[in-house]
Every structure is written in structure tokens, then in C-alpha cells.
């Protein structure tokens, strides 16, 4: 029988996505054996998580609680006439690491998924449409994930944006076969995108 305090930690860690019972046990036992300062620092960080992180009311990116809007939106060097649309806040950082994009962002808060009960009206689509006029946007870059849900969301976005702003330029991130992958292991969405986006050589 495990001590109740250790068992509580195992059960708590086991609620995290991708952490099974055995992994939760290893994490908990590591924390028990490690210097107490590690556990205290983790506990301190978690205690501040909800009070010191909030959502930008314009872009829906995650920001520090003392900020009014996202620094990536507020920065005068960013091109406000271009918006790159992603599903989740952490997708922004993948793009930022490339150091190749200098516009602003818009986080949808997920993708349309009837199986999971996520409908279009639960996403930040209306706010995106409103931003086009407010910020004099000339281009929307759709960067939803290459999944069935991401594709469905992208198609709906294109339709709604074109209906309201016929002259708005709407683009999507290029999709296709990544380097090093064999055709037999590529999924249908990736292969279809690779065919549609084929280039002349």
C-alpha cells in the first residue's frame, strides 16, 4: 500500500493527457527522491498558472495577466493588415520560431468537430470576421491543422470570409509530403495536398 500523499500525486499526474499510470508513478517517485525544491518550484508555478495567464481579447492568444492585449498585436512593427489563423494558442509559437512571419495572429480556440461537440459558433470566427474591417486586413492566412477537422474549419472560414469580403486575399500554408517520408506511409490528406500543390521543375 502506497502512502496516501504519494498516491494522490500519482492520481493527479495520471489525469494529464498522454500520462498513463506507469508514467505517473515514475514522475511521482522521481519528485519524491529529488530535491524538495523541485517539487516546491513546480507547485509555485502551478499556483500562479490561472491567476497570471489570460487570453488576449483581440487575438485570443495567451498573455501575461498585466498585459491588455497580446504583445504580438501591440507591437508597431507587426503588419496588422495580415492575420495568420491558428487553432490553438501554442500554434503561434511554432510559427514565431521560424522568424519568417511578421503579421498578427488569430486563435480560433479549436476546430469544428461534431464528434466532440465542437461547432462553428463555439470558435472565434465572428471575431475574426470583425477584425478584417477593424484592422483593414488585406490577407488572411489559414493555418489550421492538416486533419479532417482542420480542413473542415478552413473550408468554412474561406466561405464565410469570401461572402463578406469578396476582395480579401485568403491563402493557406502550403501542404505536402515532408522530406524523408515514403508514399506508403503518407495519409490521404497529405497526399491530396501534395498533388494539389505540386510544383513545376
C-alpha atoms as a PDB file:
ATOM      1  CA  UNK A   1       0.000   0.000   0.000  1.00  0.00           C
ATOM      2  CA  UNK A   2       1.461   3.349  -1.091  1.00  0.00           C
ATOM      3  CA  UNK A   3       1.494   6.318   1.280  1.00  0.00           C
ATOM      4  CA  UNK A   4      -1.632   8.392   0.623  1.00  0.00           C
ATOM      5  CA  UNK A   5       0.329  11.556  -0.263  1.00  0.00           C
ATOM      6  CA  UNK A   6       2.324   9.691  -2.916  1.00  0.00           C
ATOM      7  CA  UNK A   7      -0.813   8.014  -4.238  1.00  0.00           C
ATOM      8  CA  UNK A   8      -2.522  11.423  -4.536  1.00  0.00           C
ATOM      9  CA  UNK A   9       0.352  12.735  -6.665  1.00  0.00           C
ATOM     10  CA  UNK A  10       0.223   9.649  -8.909  1.00  0.00           C
ATOM     11  CA  UNK A  11      -3.527  10.028  -9.420  1.00  0.00           C
ATOM     12  CA  UNK A  12      -3.186  13.758 -10.130  1.00  0.00           C
ATOM     13  CA  UNK A  13      -0.371  13.298 -12.652  1.00  0.00           C
ATOM     14  CA  UNK A  14      -2.323  10.468 -14.276  1.00  0.00           C
ATOM     15  CA  UNK A  15      -5.049  12.948 -15.259  1.00  0.00           C
ATOM     16  CA  UNK A  16      -2.648  14.726 -17.627  1.00  0.00           C
ATOM     17  CA  UNK A  17      -3.063  13.869 -21.340  1.00  0.00           C
ATOM     18  CA  UNK A  18      -0.621  11.245 -22.534  1.00  0.00           C
ATOM     19  CA  UNK A  19       0.412  10.241 -18.999  1.00  0.00           C
ATOM     20  CA  UNK A  20      -0.518   6.659 -18.200  1.00  0.00           C
ATOM     21  CA  UNK A  21      -0.449   5.006 -14.742  1.00  0.00           C
ATOM     22  CA  UNK A  22       3.149   3.767 -15.020  1.00  0.00           C
ATOM     23  CA  UNK A  23       4.452   7.136 -16.235  1.00  0.00           C
ATOM     24  CA  UNK A  24       2.563   8.899 -13.448  1.00  0.00           C
ATOM     25  CA  UNK A  25       4.195   6.545 -10.923  1.00  0.00           C
ATOM     26  CA  UNK A  26       7.681   7.261 -12.327  1.00  0.00           C
ATOM     27  CA  UNK A  27       7.116  11.038 -12.239  1.00  0.00           C
ATOM     28  CA  UNK A  28       5.784  10.915  -8.675  1.00  0.00           C
ATOM     29  CA  UNK A  29       8.637   8.716  -7.457  1.00  0.00           C
ATOM     30  CA  UNK A  30      11.186  10.955  -9.164  1.00  0.00           C
ATOM     31  CA  UNK A  31       9.741  14.003  -7.380  1.00  0.00           C
ATOM     32  CA  UNK A  32       9.841  12.164  -4.073  1.00  0.00           C
ATOM     33  CA  UNK A  33      13.517  11.218  -4.484  1.00  0.00           C
ATOM     34  CA  UNK A  34      14.615  14.561  -5.975  1.00  0.00           C
ATOM     35  CA  UNK A  35      15.466  17.676  -4.009  1.00  0.00           C
ATOM     36  CA  UNK A  36      12.380  19.140  -2.364  1.00  0.00           C
ATOM     37  CA  UNK A  37      13.000  22.471  -4.123  1.00  0.00           C
ATOM     38  CA  UNK A  38      11.967  20.900  -7.451  1.00  0.00           C
ATOM     39  CA  UNK A  39       8.518  19.971  -6.131  1.00  0.00           C
ATOM     40  CA  UNK A  40       8.155  23.356  -4.442  1.00  0.00           C
ATOM     41  CA  UNK A  41       9.053  25.205  -7.658  1.00  0.00           C
ATOM     42  CA  UNK A  42       6.545  23.131  -9.640  1.00  0.00           C
ATOM     43  CA  UNK A  43       3.863  23.784  -7.030  1.00  0.00           C
ATOM     44  CA  UNK A  44       4.637  27.515  -7.046  1.00  0.00           C
ATOM     45  CA  UNK A  45       4.450  27.667 -10.855  1.00  0.00           C
ATOM     46  CA  UNK A  46       1.140  25.811 -10.925  1.00  0.00           C
ATOM     47  CA  UNK A  47      -0.318  28.055  -8.227  1.00  0.00           C
ATOM     48  CA  UNK A  48       0.281  31.111 -10.455  1.00  0.00           C
ATOM     49  CA  UNK A  49      -0.862  29.493 -13.707  1.00  0.00           C
ATOM     50  CA  UNK A  50      -4.522  30.544 -13.660  1.00  0.00           C
ATOM     51  CA  UNK A  51      -4.085  33.919 -11.975  1.00  0.00           C
ATOM     52  CA  UNK A  52      -1.183  35.157 -14.125  1.00  0.00           C
ATOM     53  CA  UNK A  53      -2.206  33.930 -17.581  1.00  0.00           C
ATOM     54  CA  UNK A  54      -5.185  35.254 -19.533  1.00  0.00           C
ATOM     55  CA  UNK A  55      -6.461  35.453 -23.112  1.00  0.00           C
ATOM     56  CA  UNK A  56      -5.978  38.450 -25.398  1.00  0.00           C
ATOM     57  CA  UNK A  57      -9.420  39.919 -26.157  1.00  0.00           C
ATOM     58  CA  UNK A  58      -8.429  40.618 -29.785  1.00  0.00           C
ATOM     59  CA  UNK A  59      -6.232  37.730 -30.940  1.00  0.00           C
ATOM     60  CA  UNK A  60      -7.184  35.156 -28.258  1.00  0.00           C
ATOM     61  CA  UNK A  61      -3.504  34.355 -27.738  1.00  0.00           C
ATOM     62  CA  UNK A  62      -2.283  33.609 -24.214  1.00  0.00           C
ATOM     63  CA  UNK A  63      -0.778  36.655 -22.481  1.00  0.00           C
ATOM     64  CA  UNK A  64       0.517  37.751 -19.084  1.00  0.00           C
ATOM     65  CA  UNK A  65      -2.241  38.983 -16.784  1.00  0.00           C
ATOM     66  CA  UNK A  66      -0.757  42.502 -16.644  1.00  0.00           C
ATOM     67  CA  UNK A  67      -0.980  42.920 -20.430  1.00  0.00           C
ATOM     68  CA  UNK A  68      -4.079  44.429 -22.027  1.00  0.00           C
ATOM     69  CA  UNK A  69      -3.560  42.787 -25.432  1.00  0.00           C
ATOM     70  CA  UNK A  70      -1.028  40.429 -26.987  1.00  0.00           C
ATOM     71  CA  UNK A  71       2.446  41.984 -27.444  1.00  0.00           C
ATOM     72  CA  UNK A  72       2.483  40.399 -30.907  1.00  0.00           C
ATOM     73  CA  UNK A  73      -0.564  42.510 -31.781  1.00  0.00           C
ATOM     74  CA  UNK A  74       0.507  45.654 -29.932  1.00  0.00           C
ATOM     75  CA  UNK A  75       3.979  45.690 -31.482  1.00  0.00           C
ATOM     76  CA  UNK A  76       4.053  48.564 -34.056  1.00  0.00           C
ATOM     77  CA  UNK A  77       6.493  46.590 -36.211  1.00  0.00           C
ATOM     78  CA  UNK A  78       3.901  43.848 -36.849  1.00  0.00           C
ATOM     79  CA  UNK A  79       1.818  44.102 -40.037  1.00  0.00           C
ATOM     80  CA  UNK A  80      -1.777  44.434 -38.849  1.00  0.00           C
ATOM     81  CA  UNK A  81      -3.069  44.043 -42.390  1.00  0.00           C
ATOM     82  CA  UNK A  82      -2.138  40.334 -42.310  1.00  0.00           C
ATOM     83  CA  UNK A  83      -3.661  37.773 -39.954  1.00  0.00           C
ATOM     84  CA  UNK A  84      -2.478  34.181 -39.611  1.00  0.00           C
ATOM     85  CA  UNK A  85      -5.264  31.975 -38.233  1.00  0.00           C
ATOM     86  CA  UNK A  86      -4.386  29.009 -35.996  1.00  0.00           C
ATOM     87  CA  UNK A  87      -6.425  26.542 -33.961  1.00  0.00           C
ATOM     88  CA  UNK A  88      -4.709  26.788 -30.571  1.00  0.00           C
ATOM     89  CA  UNK A  89      -2.566  29.410 -28.775  1.00  0.00           C
ATOM     90  CA  UNK A  90       0.580  27.251 -28.735  1.00  0.00           C
ATOM     91  CA  UNK A  91       0.471  27.033 -32.568  1.00  0.00           C
ATOM     92  CA  UNK A  92       1.604  30.671 -32.583  1.00  0.00           C
ATOM     93  CA  UNK A  93       4.971  29.798 -31.078  1.00  0.00           C
ATOM     94  CA  UNK A  94       5.677  27.198 -33.770  1.00  0.00           C
ATOM     95  CA  UNK A  95       5.257  29.942 -36.386  1.00  0.00           C
ATOM     96  CA  UNK A  96       7.218  32.513 -34.363  1.00  0.00           C
ATOM     97  CA  UNK A  97      10.207  30.161 -34.102  1.00  0.00           C
ATOM     98  CA  UNK A  98      10.609  30.354 -37.881  1.00  0.00           C
ATOM     99  CA  UNK A  99      11.217  34.130 -37.626  1.00  0.00           C
ATOM    100  CA  UNK A 100       9.636  34.359 -41.083  1.00  0.00           C
ATOM    101  CA  UNK A 101       6.243  35.865 -40.274  1.00  0.00           C
ATOM    102  CA  UNK A 102       5.674  39.483 -39.241  1.00  0.00           C
ATOM    103  CA  UNK A 103       1.898  39.866 -39.235  1.00  0.00           C
ATOM    104  CA  UNK A 104      -0.589  39.285 -36.435  1.00  0.00           C
ATOM    105  CA  UNK A 105      -2.452  36.173 -35.299  1.00  0.00           C
ATOM    106  CA  UNK A 106      -5.936  34.965 -34.528  1.00  0.00           C
ATOM    107  CA  UNK A 107      -6.627  31.887 -32.402  1.00  0.00           C
ATOM    108  CA  UNK A 108      -9.857  30.058 -33.190  1.00  0.00           C
ATOM    109  CA  UNK A 109      -9.849  28.043 -29.980  1.00  0.00           C
ATOM    110  CA  UNK A 110     -10.080  24.678 -31.720  1.00  0.00           C
ATOM    111  CA  UNK A 111     -11.531  23.184 -34.888  1.00  0.00           C
ATOM    112  CA  UNK A 112     -15.026  22.123 -35.900  1.00  0.00           C
ATOM    113  CA  UNK A 113     -15.594  18.595 -34.627  1.00  0.00           C
ATOM    114  CA  UNK A 114     -19.180  17.308 -34.444  1.00  0.00           C
ATOM    115  CA  UNK A 115     -17.925  14.104 -32.795  1.00  0.00           C
ATOM    116  CA  UNK A 116     -16.541  16.166 -29.907  1.00  0.00           C
ATOM    117  CA  UNK A 117     -19.494  18.541 -29.843  1.00  0.00           C
ATOM    118  CA  UNK A 118     -17.448  21.498 -31.146  1.00  0.00           C
ATOM    119  CA  UNK A 119     -19.489  23.662 -33.522  1.00  0.00           C
ATOM    120  CA  UNK A 120     -18.557  26.764 -35.519  1.00  0.00           C
ATOM    121  CA  UNK A 121     -20.304  29.117 -33.107  1.00  0.00           C
ATOM    122  CA  UNK A 122     -18.034  27.925 -30.296  1.00  0.00           C
ATOM    123  CA  UNK A 123     -14.943  29.141 -32.174  1.00  0.00           C
ATOM    124  CA  UNK A 124     -13.692  32.736 -32.513  1.00  0.00           C
ATOM    125  CA  UNK A 125     -14.837  33.007 -36.134  1.00  0.00           C
ATOM    126  CA  UNK A 126     -17.134  36.021 -35.725  1.00  0.00           C
ATOM    127  CA  UNK A 127     -14.332  37.951 -34.015  1.00  0.00           C
ATOM    128  CA  UNK A 128     -12.004  37.138 -36.930  1.00  0.00           C
ATOM    129  CA  UNK A 129     -14.550  38.416 -39.471  1.00  0.00           C
ATOM    130  CA  UNK A 130     -14.984  41.620 -37.440  1.00  0.00           C
ATOM    131  CA  UNK A 131     -11.204  42.159 -37.291  1.00  0.00           C
ATOM    132  CA  UNK A 132     -10.908  42.263 -41.085  1.00  0.00           C
ATOM    133  CA  UNK A 133     -12.766  45.574 -41.269  1.00  0.00           C
ATOM    134  CA  UNK A 134     -11.437  46.968 -37.987  1.00  0.00           C
ATOM    135  CA  UNK A 135      -7.753  46.460 -38.885  1.00  0.00           C
ATOM    136  CA  UNK A 136      -8.090  46.988 -42.676  1.00  0.00           C
ATOM    137  CA  UNK A 137      -6.832  43.447 -43.236  1.00  0.00           C
ATOM    138  CA  UNK A 138      -5.745  42.595 -46.781  1.00  0.00           C
ATOM    139  CA  UNK A 139      -4.718  38.954 -46.288  1.00  0.00           C
ATOM    140  CA  UNK A 140      -5.871  36.067 -44.125  1.00  0.00           C
ATOM    141  CA  UNK A 141      -3.509  33.091 -43.900  1.00  0.00           C
ATOM    142  CA  UNK A 142      -5.326  29.956 -42.762  1.00  0.00           C
ATOM    143  CA  UNK A 143      -3.011  27.660 -40.813  1.00  0.00           C
ATOM    144  CA  UNK A 144      -5.376  25.069 -39.373  1.00  0.00           C
ATOM    145  CA  UNK A 145      -4.007  21.582 -38.745  1.00  0.00           C
ATOM    146  CA  UNK A 146      -3.879  19.023 -41.602  1.00  0.00           C
ATOM    147  CA  UNK A 147      -6.695  16.921 -40.143  1.00  0.00           C
ATOM    148  CA  UNK A 148     -10.296  16.309 -41.166  1.00  0.00           C
ATOM    149  CA  UNK A 149     -11.403  18.821 -38.520  1.00  0.00           C
ATOM    150  CA  UNK A 150      -8.790  21.374 -39.575  1.00  0.00           C
ATOM    151  CA  UNK A 151      -9.754  21.031 -43.244  1.00  0.00           C
ATOM    152  CA  UNK A 152     -13.471  21.426 -42.476  1.00  0.00           C
ATOM    153  CA  UNK A 153     -12.748  24.534 -40.435  1.00  0.00           C
ATOM    154  CA  UNK A 154     -10.567  26.018 -43.186  1.00  0.00           C
ATOM    155  CA  UNK A 155     -13.268  25.458 -45.833  1.00  0.00           C
ATOM    156  CA  UNK A 156     -15.885  27.164 -43.657  1.00  0.00           C
ATOM    157  CA  UNK A 157     -13.560  30.110 -42.961  1.00  0.00           C
ATOM    158  CA  UNK A 158     -12.897  30.604 -46.666  1.00  0.00           C
ATOM    159  CA  UNK A 159     -16.629  30.544 -47.414  1.00  0.00           C
ATOM    160  CA  UNK A 160     -17.625  32.988 -44.667  1.00  0.00           C
ATOM    161  CA  UNK A 161     -14.768  35.415 -45.355  1.00  0.00           C
ATOM    162  CA  UNK A 162     -15.364  35.447 -49.118  1.00  0.00           C
ATOM    163  CA  UNK A 163     -19.070  36.057 -48.596  1.00  0.00           C
ATOM    164  CA  UNK A 164     -18.441  39.203 -46.542  1.00  0.00           C
ATOM    165  CA  UNK A 165     -15.180  40.380 -48.130  1.00  0.00           C
ATOM    166  CA  UNK A 166     -15.040  39.234 -51.794  1.00  0.00           C
ATOM    167  CA  UNK A 167     -11.784  41.112 -52.444  1.00  0.00           C
ATOM    168  CA  UNK A 168      -9.945  39.795 -49.394  1.00  0.00           C
ATOM    169  CA  UNK A 169      -6.906  37.676 -50.203  1.00  0.00           C
ATOM    170  CA  UNK A 170      -7.209  34.307 -48.459  1.00  0.00           C
ATOM    171  CA  UNK A 171      -4.225  31.971 -48.509  1.00  0.00           C
ATOM    172  CA  UNK A 172      -3.277  28.732 -46.798  1.00  0.00           C
ATOM    173  CA  UNK A 173       0.019  27.316 -45.654  1.00  0.00           C
ATOM    174  CA  UNK A 174       1.487  25.046 -48.332  1.00  0.00           C
ATOM    175  CA  UNK A 175       0.932  21.393 -47.593  1.00  0.00           C
ATOM    176  CA  UNK A 176       2.507  18.282 -48.965  1.00  0.00           C
ATOM    177  CA  UNK A 177       4.938  15.461 -48.359  1.00  0.00           C
ATOM    178  CA  UNK A 178       7.602  16.177 -45.736  1.00  0.00           C
ATOM    179  CA  UNK A 179      11.210  15.267 -46.516  1.00  0.00           C
ATOM    180  CA  UNK A 180      12.091  11.675 -45.730  1.00  0.00           C
ATOM    181  CA  UNK A 181       8.584  10.191 -45.792  1.00  0.00           C
ATOM    182  CA  UNK A 182       7.633   7.266 -48.029  1.00  0.00           C
ATOM    183  CA  UNK A 183       4.428   7.465 -50.053  1.00  0.00           C
ATOM    184  CA  UNK A 184       3.098   4.281 -48.453  1.00  0.00           C
ATOM    185  CA  UNK A 185       3.137   5.958 -45.014  1.00  0.00           C
ATOM    186  CA  UNK A 186       1.535   9.242 -46.076  1.00  0.00           C
ATOM    187  CA  UNK A 187      -2.107   9.816 -45.129  1.00  0.00           C
ATOM    188  CA  UNK A 188      -4.771  10.761 -47.682  1.00  0.00           C
ATOM    189  CA  UNK A 189      -4.952  14.428 -46.672  1.00  0.00           C
ATOM    190  CA  UNK A 190      -1.184  14.842 -47.057  1.00  0.00           C
ATOM    191  CA  UNK A 191      -1.134  13.077 -50.434  1.00  0.00           C
ATOM    192  CA  UNK A 192      -4.080  15.112 -51.731  1.00  0.00           C
ATOM    193  CA  UNK A 193      -2.387  18.342 -50.650  1.00  0.00           C
ATOM    194  CA  UNK A 194       0.883  17.258 -52.255  1.00  0.00           C
ATOM    195  CA  UNK A 195      -0.904  16.594 -55.560  1.00  0.00           C
ATOM    196  CA  UNK A 196      -2.874  19.844 -55.469  1.00  0.00           C
ATOM    197  CA  UNK A 197       0.210  21.905 -54.571  1.00  0.00           C
ATOM    198  CA  UNK A 198       2.618  20.194 -56.984  1.00  0.00           C
ATOM    199  CA  UNK A 199       5.263  22.474 -58.493  1.00  0.00           C
ATOM    200  CA  UNK A 200       6.871  22.650 -61.915  1.00  0.00           C
ATOM    201  CA  UNK A 201      10.519  21.538 -62.182  1.00  0.00           C
END
